[in-house]
Amino acid sequence: MRNDFIFSILKNRHNQLIELAAQCPEDKRNIVPEGFKNSLHWHIGHVLTVTEFHVFDLSEFELNQKLPASYQDFFAYGTKPADWQGEPPAWDVLIGQLRKQPDEIRELLEGKLDVPVKENFLKAETFGELIVSTVQHAAEHIGFVSAMLKALK
């Protein structure tokens, strides 16, 4: 697996999500449109949080996590804004972290894509496979965000 390709698609999907998110007016970021379970704010935080979970929690690099543990309460699998206790991290903070995340992952894992990882629910065997799975996950949420932007008009 080529390093440049894998890290490029990770960065491209993050940038695509950021560009879509920028199209959402500030007053609609926390609205959950009819037919959806989550807000755009949740999707941004979820992709950020789950990317870190996929790459670090599912490998031996757990100590390299950069996000606060509280992000799991807001954005982990199975969460939704209706269940939030307190204020989630600010939109601009999440966007900034999402923008930096691909470069931080690349810095840590450059040249290590073929290194085996511990057994995990994704059935990924290497760091490269963990990153591919998170890119696929981000692409799914890009689709949700695109549909939500149409519903919010």
N, C-alpha and C. Protein backbone atom coordinates (compact mmCIF):
# COMPACT_ATOMS: atom_id res chain seq x y z
N MET A 1 0.85 -1.17 0.00
CA MET A 1 0.00 0.00 0.00
C MET A 1 0.90 1.24 0.00
N ARG A 2 0.64 2.17 -0.91
CA ARG A 2 1.47 3.37 -1.02
C ARG A 2 1.08 4.40 0.04
N ASN A 3 2.09 4.87 0.77
CA ASN A 3 1.87 5.88 1.81
C ASN A 3 1.15 7.11 1.27
N ASP A 4 1.68 7.68 0.18
CA ASP A 4 1.11 8.92 -0.34
C ASP A 4 -0.37 8.78 -0.68
N PHE A 5 -0.73 7.66 -1.28
CA PHE A 5 -2.12 7.45 -1.66
C PHE A 5 -3.03 7.40 -0.43
N ILE A 6 -2.66 6.59 0.54
CA ILE A 6 -3.50 6.42 1.73
C ILE A 6 -3.65 7.73 2.49
N PHE A 7 -2.56 8.42 2.73
CA PHE A 7 -2.64 9.66 3.49
C PHE A 7 -3.33 10.76 2.69
N SER A 8 -3.22 10.72 1.38
CA SER A 8 -3.89 11.68 0.52
C SER A 8 -5.41 11.51 0.56
N ILE A 9 -5.89 10.26 0.50
CA ILE A 9 -7.35 10.09 0.53
C ILE A 9 -7.91 10.44 1.91
N LEU A 10 -7.15 10.20 2.96
CA LEU A 10 -7.60 10.61 4.30
C LEU A 10 -7.75 12.13 4.35
N LYS A 11 -6.74 12.83 3.90
CA LYS A 11 -6.78 14.30 3.93
C LYS A 11 -7.87 14.84 3.00
N ASN A 12 -8.02 14.24 1.83
CA ASN A 12 -9.05 14.70 0.89
C ASN A 12 -10.45 14.53 1.45
N ARG A 13 -10.74 13.41 2.11
CA ARG A 13 -12.07 13.22 2.69
C ARG A 13 -12.32 14.21 3.83
N HIS A 14 -11.31 14.44 4.66
CA HIS A 14 -11.47 15.43 5.73
C HIS A 14 -11.74 16.81 5.12
N ASN A 15 -10.97 17.18 4.10
CA ASN A 15 -11.18 18.48 3.47
C ASN A 15 -12.54 18.58 2.81
N GLN A 16 -13.00 17.51 2.21
CA GLN A 16 -14.32 17.50 1.59
C GLN A 16 -15.40 17.74 2.65
N LEU A 17 -15.27 17.09 3.79
CA LEU A 17 -16.24 17.28 4.87
C LEU A 17 -16.19 18.72 5.39
N ILE A 18 -15.01 19.27 5.54
CA ILE A 18 -14.86 20.65 6.01
C ILE A 18 -15.50 21.62 5.02
N GLU A 19 -15.29 21.41 3.73
CA GLU A 19 -15.88 22.28 2.70
C GLU A 19 -17.40 22.20 2.73
N LEU A 20 -17.94 21.01 2.89
CA LEU A 20 -19.40 20.87 2.99
C LEU A 20 -19.92 21.57 4.24
N ALA A 21 -19.24 21.37 5.35
CA ALA A 21 -19.66 21.98 6.62
C ALA A 21 -19.69 23.49 6.52
N ALA A 22 -18.77 24.06 5.76
CA ALA A 22 -18.71 25.52 5.60
C ALA A 22 -19.95 26.06 4.89
N GLN A 23 -20.68 25.21 4.20
CA GLN A 23 -21.89 25.64 3.50
C GLN A 23 -23.08 25.78 4.44
N CYS A 24 -22.96 25.30 5.65
CA CYS A 24 -24.08 25.32 6.59
C CYS A 24 -24.10 26.63 7.35
N PRO A 25 -25.23 27.35 7.29
CA PRO A 25 -25.33 28.58 8.08
C PRO A 25 -25.20 28.26 9.57
N GLU A 26 -24.61 29.18 10.30
CA GLU A 26 -24.35 28.96 11.73
C GLU A 26 -25.61 28.60 12.50
N ASP A 27 -26.74 29.20 12.15
CA ASP A 27 -27.97 28.95 12.90
C ASP A 27 -28.60 27.59 12.61
N LYS A 28 -28.03 26.83 11.68
CA LYS A 28 -28.59 25.51 11.34
C LYS A 28 -27.66 24.36 11.72
N ARG A 29 -26.53 24.65 12.29
CA ARG A 29 -25.53 23.62 12.60
C ARG A 29 -26.01 22.59 13.62
N ASN A 30 -26.91 22.99 14.50
CA ASN A 30 -27.37 22.09 15.55
C ASN A 30 -28.80 21.62 15.37
N ILE A 31 -29.36 21.87 14.20
CA ILE A 31 -30.71 21.39 13.89
C ILE A 31 -30.61 19.95 13.38
N VAL A 32 -31.52 19.11 13.87
CA VAL A 32 -31.62 17.74 13.37
C VAL A 32 -32.82 17.73 12.42
N PRO A 33 -32.57 17.69 11.11
CA PRO A 33 -33.69 17.73 10.16
C PRO A 33 -34.57 16.48 10.29
N GLU A 34 -35.81 16.65 9.90
CA GLU A 34 -36.74 15.51 9.90
C GLU A 34 -36.16 14.39 9.04
N GLY A 35 -36.23 13.17 9.57
CA GLY A 35 -35.71 12.02 8.86
C GLY A 35 -34.26 11.70 9.18
N PHE A 36 -33.62 12.53 10.00
CA PHE A 36 -32.23 12.32 10.40
C PHE A 36 -32.15 12.14 11.91
N LYS A 37 -31.05 11.54 12.37
CA LYS A 37 -30.86 11.31 13.80
C LYS A 37 -29.93 12.33 14.44
N ASN A 38 -29.14 13.01 13.63
CA ASN A 38 -28.09 13.87 14.16
C ASN A 38 -27.99 15.19 13.43
N SER A 39 -27.28 16.12 14.05
CA SER A 39 -27.05 17.44 13.47
C SER A 39 -25.72 17.45 12.71
N LEU A 40 -25.49 18.51 11.95
CA LEU A 40 -24.20 18.66 11.27
C LEU A 40 -23.07 18.79 12.29
N HIS A 41 -23.33 19.48 13.38
CA HIS A 41 -22.33 19.61 14.45
C HIS A 41 -21.91 18.22 14.93
N TRP A 42 -22.87 17.34 15.13
CA TRP A 42 -22.56 15.98 15.57
C TRP A 42 -21.71 15.25 14.52
N HIS A 43 -22.08 15.35 13.25
CA HIS A 43 -21.33 14.65 12.20
C HIS A 43 -19.87 15.08 12.15
N ILE A 44 -19.61 16.37 12.30
CA ILE A 44 -18.23 16.87 12.30
C ILE A 44 -17.46 16.27 13.47
N GLY A 45 -18.05 16.34 14.65
CA GLY A 45 -17.39 15.78 15.83
C GLY A 45 -17.26 14.27 15.77
N HIS A 46 -18.25 13.62 15.19
CA HIS A 46 -18.23 12.16 15.08
C HIS A 46 -17.10 11.68 14.17
N VAL A 47 -16.96 12.27 13.00
CA VAL A 47 -15.89 11.85 12.09
C VAL A 47 -14.53 12.09 12.75
N LEU A 48 -14.36 13.21 13.40
CA LEU A 48 -13.12 13.51 14.11
C LEU A 48 -12.83 12.46 15.18
N THR A 49 -13.82 12.21 16.02
CA THR A 49 -13.66 11.30 17.15
C THR A 49 -13.47 9.86 16.71
N VAL A 50 -14.26 9.42 15.75
CA VAL A 50 -14.17 8.03 15.30
C VAL A 50 -12.89 7.79 14.50
N THR A 51 -12.42 8.80 13.77
CA THR A 51 -11.13 8.64 13.09
C THR A 51 -10.04 8.36 14.12
N GLU A 52 -10.03 9.14 15.18
CA GLU A 52 -9.03 8.89 16.23
C GLU A 52 -9.23 7.52 16.86
N PHE A 53 -10.47 7.15 17.10
CA PHE A 53 -10.76 5.84 17.69
C PHE A 53 -10.26 4.71 16.78
N HIS A 54 -10.60 4.79 15.50
CA HIS A 54 -10.17 3.74 14.56
C HIS A 54 -8.66 3.61 14.51
N VAL A 55 -7.97 4.73 14.41
CA VAL A 55 -6.53 4.70 14.19
C VAL A 55 -5.74 4.44 15.48
N PHE A 56 -6.19 5.00 16.59
CA PHE A 56 -5.39 4.88 17.81
C PHE A 56 -5.93 3.85 18.80
N ASP A 57 -7.22 3.86 19.08
CA ASP A 57 -7.76 2.89 20.04
C ASP A 57 -7.66 1.46 19.54
N LEU A 58 -7.75 1.29 18.24
CA LEU A 58 -7.71 -0.06 17.68
C LEU A 58 -6.29 -0.51 17.35
N SER A 59 -5.31 0.24 17.82
CA SER A 59 -3.91 -0.11 17.60
C SER A 59 -3.15 0.06 18.91
N GLU A 60 -1.87 -0.14 18.87
CA GLU A 60 -1.09 0.03 20.09
C GLU A 60 -0.70 1.48 20.35
N PHE A 61 -1.23 2.41 19.56
CA PHE A 61 -0.90 3.82 19.73
C PHE A 61 -1.95 4.56 20.56
N GLU A 62 -2.62 3.86 21.47
CA GLU A 62 -3.68 4.48 22.28
C GLU A 62 -3.20 5.74 23.00
N LEU A 63 -1.94 5.77 23.39
CA LEU A 63 -1.43 6.91 24.15
C LEU A 63 -1.21 8.14 23.27
N ASN A 64 -1.36 8.00 21.97
CA ASN A 64 -1.17 9.13 21.06
C ASN A 64 -2.47 9.89 20.79
N GLN A 65 -3.52 9.56 21.50
CA GLN A 65 -4.77 10.27 21.31
C GLN A 65 -4.59 11.74 21.67
N LYS A 66 -5.20 12.60 20.88
CA LYS A 66 -5.08 14.03 21.11
C LYS A 66 -6.39 14.64 21.61
N LEU A 67 -7.50 13.98 21.35
CA LEU A 67 -8.80 14.53 21.72
C LEU A 67 -9.13 14.23 23.17
N PRO A 68 -9.84 15.15 23.83
CA PRO A 68 -10.28 14.89 25.20
C PRO A 68 -11.21 13.67 25.25
N ALA A 69 -11.16 12.94 26.34
CA ALA A 69 -12.01 11.75 26.51
C ALA A 69 -13.49 12.12 26.43
N SER A 70 -13.85 13.35 26.80
CA SER A 70 -15.25 13.78 26.78
C SER A 70 -15.85 13.76 25.37
N TYR A 71 -15.02 13.78 24.33
CA TYR A 71 -15.54 13.73 22.97
C TYR A 71 -16.32 12.44 22.74
N GLN A 72 -15.91 11.37 23.40
CA GLN A 72 -16.63 10.10 23.27
C GLN A 72 -18.08 10.25 23.72
N ASP A 73 -18.32 11.03 24.77
CA ASP A 73 -19.68 11.22 25.29
C ASP A 73 -20.59 11.92 24.28
N PHE A 74 -20.00 12.79 23.48
CA PHE A 74 -20.78 13.54 22.51
C PHE A 74 -20.86 12.87 21.14
N PHE A 75 -19.78 12.23 20.71
CA PHE A 75 -19.66 11.87 19.30
C PHE A 75 -19.37 10.40 19.00
N ALA A 76 -19.25 9.55 19.99
CA ALA A 76 -18.94 8.14 19.73
C ALA A 76 -20.10 7.46 19.01
N TYR A 77 -19.84 6.27 18.51
CA TYR A 77 -20.90 5.46 17.91
C TYR A 77 -22.07 5.38 18.89
N GLY A 78 -23.29 5.55 18.37
CA GLY A 78 -24.49 5.41 19.19
C GLY A 78 -24.92 6.65 19.93
N THR A 79 -24.15 7.73 19.85
CA THR A 79 -24.54 8.97 20.52
C THR A 79 -25.41 9.81 19.59
N LYS A 80 -26.11 10.77 20.19
CA LYS A 80 -26.90 11.71 19.40
C LYS A 80 -27.10 12.98 20.22
N PRO A 81 -27.31 14.11 19.55
CA PRO A 81 -27.45 15.38 20.26
C PRO A 81 -28.55 15.38 21.32
N ALA A 82 -29.62 14.65 21.09
CA ALA A 82 -30.72 14.62 22.06
C ALA A 82 -30.27 14.09 23.42
N ASP A 83 -29.20 13.34 23.45
CA ASP A 83 -28.71 12.75 24.70
C ASP A 83 -27.55 13.52 25.32
N TRP A 84 -27.12 14.61 24.69
CA TRP A 84 -25.96 15.34 25.20
C TRP A 84 -26.24 15.90 26.59
N GLN A 85 -25.27 15.74 27.47
CA GLN A 85 -25.30 16.34 28.80
C GLN A 85 -24.27 17.46 28.79
N GLY A 86 -24.73 18.68 28.67
CA GLY A 86 -23.82 19.81 28.61
C GLY A 86 -23.55 20.25 27.19
N GLU A 87 -22.67 21.22 27.08
CA GLU A 87 -22.33 21.81 25.78
C GLU A 87 -21.25 21.00 25.09
N PRO A 88 -21.46 20.68 23.82
CA PRO A 88 -20.42 19.96 23.07
C PRO A 88 -19.26 20.91 22.75
N PRO A 89 -18.14 20.35 22.33
CA PRO A 89 -17.04 21.21 21.87
C PRO A 89 -17.53 22.14 20.76
N ALA A 90 -17.00 23.33 20.73
CA ALA A 90 -17.42 24.34 19.76
C ALA A 90 -17.13 23.90 18.33
N TRP A 91 -18.00 24.31 17.43
CA TRP A 91 -17.89 24.01 16.00
C TRP A 91 -16.50 24.36 15.47
N ASP A 92 -16.06 25.59 15.72
CA ASP A 92 -14.77 26.04 15.19
C ASP A 92 -13.60 25.23 15.73
N VAL A 93 -13.69 24.79 16.97
CA VAL A 93 -12.65 23.94 17.56
C VAL A 93 -12.62 22.60 16.82
N LEU A 94 -13.79 22.02 16.59
CA LEU A 94 -13.87 20.74 15.88
C LEU A 94 -13.33 20.85 14.46
N ILE A 95 -13.70 21.92 13.77
CA ILE A 95 -13.22 22.12 12.39
C ILE A 95 -11.69 22.24 12.39
N GLY A 96 -11.14 23.00 13.32
CA GLY A 96 -9.68 23.14 13.41
C GLY A 96 -8.99 21.80 13.67
N GLN A 97 -9.57 21.01 14.55
CA GLN A 97 -8.99 19.70 14.85
C GLN A 97 -9.13 18.76 13.66
N LEU A 98 -10.26 18.82 12.98
CA LEU A 98 -10.48 17.98 11.81
C LEU A 98 -9.48 18.34 10.70
N ARG A 99 -9.20 19.62 10.57
CA ARG A 99 -8.26 20.10 9.55
C ARG A 99 -6.84 19.57 9.81
N LYS A 100 -6.43 19.51 11.08
CA LYS A 100 -5.08 19.08 11.44
C LYS A 100 -4.92 17.56 11.54
N GLN A 101 -6.00 16.86 11.77
CA GLN A 101 -5.91 15.43 12.07
C GLN A 101 -5.18 14.58 11.03
N PRO A 102 -5.45 14.74 9.73
CA PRO A 102 -4.74 13.90 8.76
C PRO A 102 -3.22 14.06 8.80
N ASP A 103 -2.75 15.29 8.99
CA ASP A 103 -1.31 15.51 9.06
C ASP A 103 -0.72 14.91 10.32
N GLU A 104 -1.45 14.98 11.42
CA GLU A 104 -0.98 14.38 12.67
C GLU A 104 -0.89 12.86 12.55
N ILE A 105 -1.87 12.26 11.89
CA ILE A 105 -1.85 10.81 11.69
C ILE A 105 -0.69 10.44 10.78
N ARG A 106 -0.51 11.21 9.72
CA ARG A 106 0.60 10.91 8.80
C ARG A 106 1.95 11.01 9.51
N GLU A 107 2.11 12.06 10.31
CA GLU A 107 3.37 12.25 11.03
C GLU A 107 3.69 11.03 11.90
N LEU A 108 2.69 10.48 12.53
CA LEU A 108 2.89 9.35 13.43
C LEU A 108 3.08 8.03 12.68
N LEU A 109 2.36 7.86 11.57
CA LEU A 109 2.30 6.55 10.92
C LEU A 109 3.01 6.46 9.57
N GLU A 110 3.66 7.53 9.15
CA GLU A 110 4.42 7.48 7.88
C GLU A 110 5.36 6.28 7.90
N GLY A 111 5.28 5.46 6.88
CA GLY A 111 6.15 4.29 6.77
C GLY A 111 5.73 3.11 7.62
N LYS A 112 4.57 3.21 8.28
CA LYS A 112 4.11 2.13 9.17
C LYS A 112 2.79 1.52 8.74
N LEU A 113 2.36 1.78 7.51
CA LEU A 113 1.05 1.31 7.08
C LEU A 113 0.93 -0.21 7.05
N ASP A 114 2.03 -0.90 6.89
CA ASP A 114 1.99 -2.36 6.84
C ASP A 114 2.23 -3.01 8.20
N VAL A 115 2.38 -2.20 9.24
CA VAL A 115 2.62 -2.73 10.59
C VAL A 115 1.32 -3.35 11.11
N PRO A 116 1.38 -4.57 11.62
CA PRO A 116 0.18 -5.22 12.16
C PRO A 116 -0.38 -4.47 13.37
N VAL A 117 -1.69 -4.54 13.53
CA VAL A 117 -2.38 -3.96 14.68
C VAL A 117 -3.10 -5.07 15.43
N LYS A 118 -3.53 -4.75 16.65
CA LYS A 118 -4.22 -5.76 17.44
C LYS A 118 -5.57 -6.11 16.82
N GLU A 119 -6.10 -7.24 17.20
CA GLU A 119 -7.40 -7.68 16.69
C GLU A 119 -8.45 -6.62 17.01
N ASN A 120 -9.35 -6.37 16.06
CA ASN A 120 -10.34 -5.31 16.24
C ASN A 120 -11.63 -5.66 15.50
N PHE A 121 -12.70 -4.95 15.83
CA PHE A 121 -14.00 -5.24 15.25
C PHE A 121 -14.07 -4.93 13.75
N LEU A 122 -13.17 -4.11 13.25
CA LEU A 122 -13.14 -3.81 11.82
C LEU A 122 -12.50 -4.93 11.00
N LYS A 123 -11.81 -5.81 11.69
CA LYS A 123 -11.05 -6.91 11.06
C LYS A 123 -9.86 -6.37 10.28
N ALA A 124 -9.44 -5.14 10.58
CA ALA A 124 -8.25 -4.57 9.95
C ALA A 124 -7.02 -5.24 10.55
N GLU A 125 -6.05 -5.51 9.69
CA GLU A 125 -4.84 -6.18 10.15
C GLU A 125 -3.63 -5.25 10.23
N THR A 126 -3.70 -4.10 9.57
CA THR A 126 -2.56 -3.17 9.55
C THR A 126 -3.06 -1.74 9.75
N PHE A 127 -2.12 -0.83 10.01
CA PHE A 127 -2.49 0.58 10.11
C PHE A 127 -3.11 1.08 8.82
N GLY A 128 -2.57 0.65 7.69
CA GLY A 128 -3.14 1.05 6.41
C GLY A 128 -4.60 0.67 6.29
N GLU A 129 -4.94 -0.53 6.74
CA GLU A 129 -6.33 -0.97 6.68
C GLU A 129 -7.20 -0.19 7.66
N LEU A 130 -6.67 0.18 8.82
CA LEU A 130 -7.43 1.03 9.74
C LEU A 130 -7.73 2.38 9.11
N ILE A 131 -6.75 2.94 8.42
CA ILE A 131 -6.96 4.24 7.78
C ILE A 131 -7.96 4.12 6.64
N VAL A 132 -7.86 3.07 5.85
CA VAL A 132 -8.84 2.87 4.76
C VAL A 132 -10.25 2.76 5.34
N SER A 133 -10.40 2.08 6.46
CA SER A 133 -11.73 1.93 7.06
C SER A 133 -12.26 3.27 7.55
N THR A 134 -11.38 4.12 8.07
CA THR A 134 -11.84 5.41 8.55
C THR A 134 -12.15 6.35 7.38
N VAL A 135 -11.44 6.21 6.27
CA VAL A 135 -11.76 6.98 5.07
C VAL A 135 -13.14 6.60 4.56
N GLN A 136 -13.42 5.32 4.55
CA GLN A 136 -14.74 4.84 4.12
C GLN A 136 -15.82 5.37 5.06
N HIS A 137 -15.55 5.38 6.34
CA HIS A 137 -16.49 5.91 7.33
C HIS A 137 -16.74 7.40 7.08
N ALA A 138 -15.68 8.15 6.85
CA ALA A 138 -15.83 9.59 6.58
C ALA A 138 -16.65 9.82 5.32
N ALA A 139 -16.44 9.00 4.30
CA ALA A 139 -17.20 9.14 3.04
C ALA A 139 -18.69 8.93 3.28
N GLU A 140 -19.04 7.98 4.13
CA GLU A 140 -20.46 7.78 4.47
C GLU A 140 -21.04 9.05 5.08
N HIS A 141 -20.30 9.66 5.99
CA HIS A 141 -20.81 10.85 6.66
C HIS A 141 -20.82 12.06 5.74
N ILE A 142 -19.95 12.10 4.76
CA ILE A 142 -20.01 13.15 3.75
C ILE A 142 -21.34 13.06 3.02
N GLY A 143 -21.78 11.85 2.73
CA GLY A 143 -23.09 11.66 2.10
C GLY A 143 -24.22 12.15 2.98
N PHE A 144 -24.16 11.82 4.28
CA PHE A 144 -25.20 12.30 5.21
C PHE A 144 -25.21 13.82 5.27
N VAL A 145 -24.04 14.42 5.37
CA VAL A 145 -23.94 15.88 5.48
C VAL A 145 -24.48 16.54 4.21
N SER A 146 -24.15 15.99 3.07
CA SER A 146 -24.66 16.52 1.81
C SER A 146 -26.18 16.48 1.77
N ALA A 147 -26.75 15.36 2.17
CA ALA A 147 -28.21 15.23 2.21
C ALA A 147 -28.82 16.18 3.23
N MET A 148 -28.19 16.32 4.37
CA MET A 148 -28.71 17.21 5.41
C MET A 148 -28.70 18.66 4.96
N LEU A 149 -27.66 19.07 4.24
CA LEU A 149 -27.61 20.44 3.74
C LEU A 149 -28.80 20.73 2.84
N LYS A 150 -29.18 19.77 2.04
CA LYS A 150 -30.36 19.94 1.18
C LYS A 150 -31.63 20.03 2.02
N ALA A 151 -31.73 19.19 3.05
CA ALA A 151 -32.91 19.18 3.91
C ALA A 151 -33.03 20.46 4.74
N LEU A 152 -31.92 21.09 5.03
CA LEU A 152 -31.93 22.30 5.86
C LEU A 152 -32.22 23.57 5.09
N LYS A 153 -32.30 23.49 3.76
CA LYS A 153 -32.56 24.70 2.95
C LYS A 153 -33.99 25.15 3.10
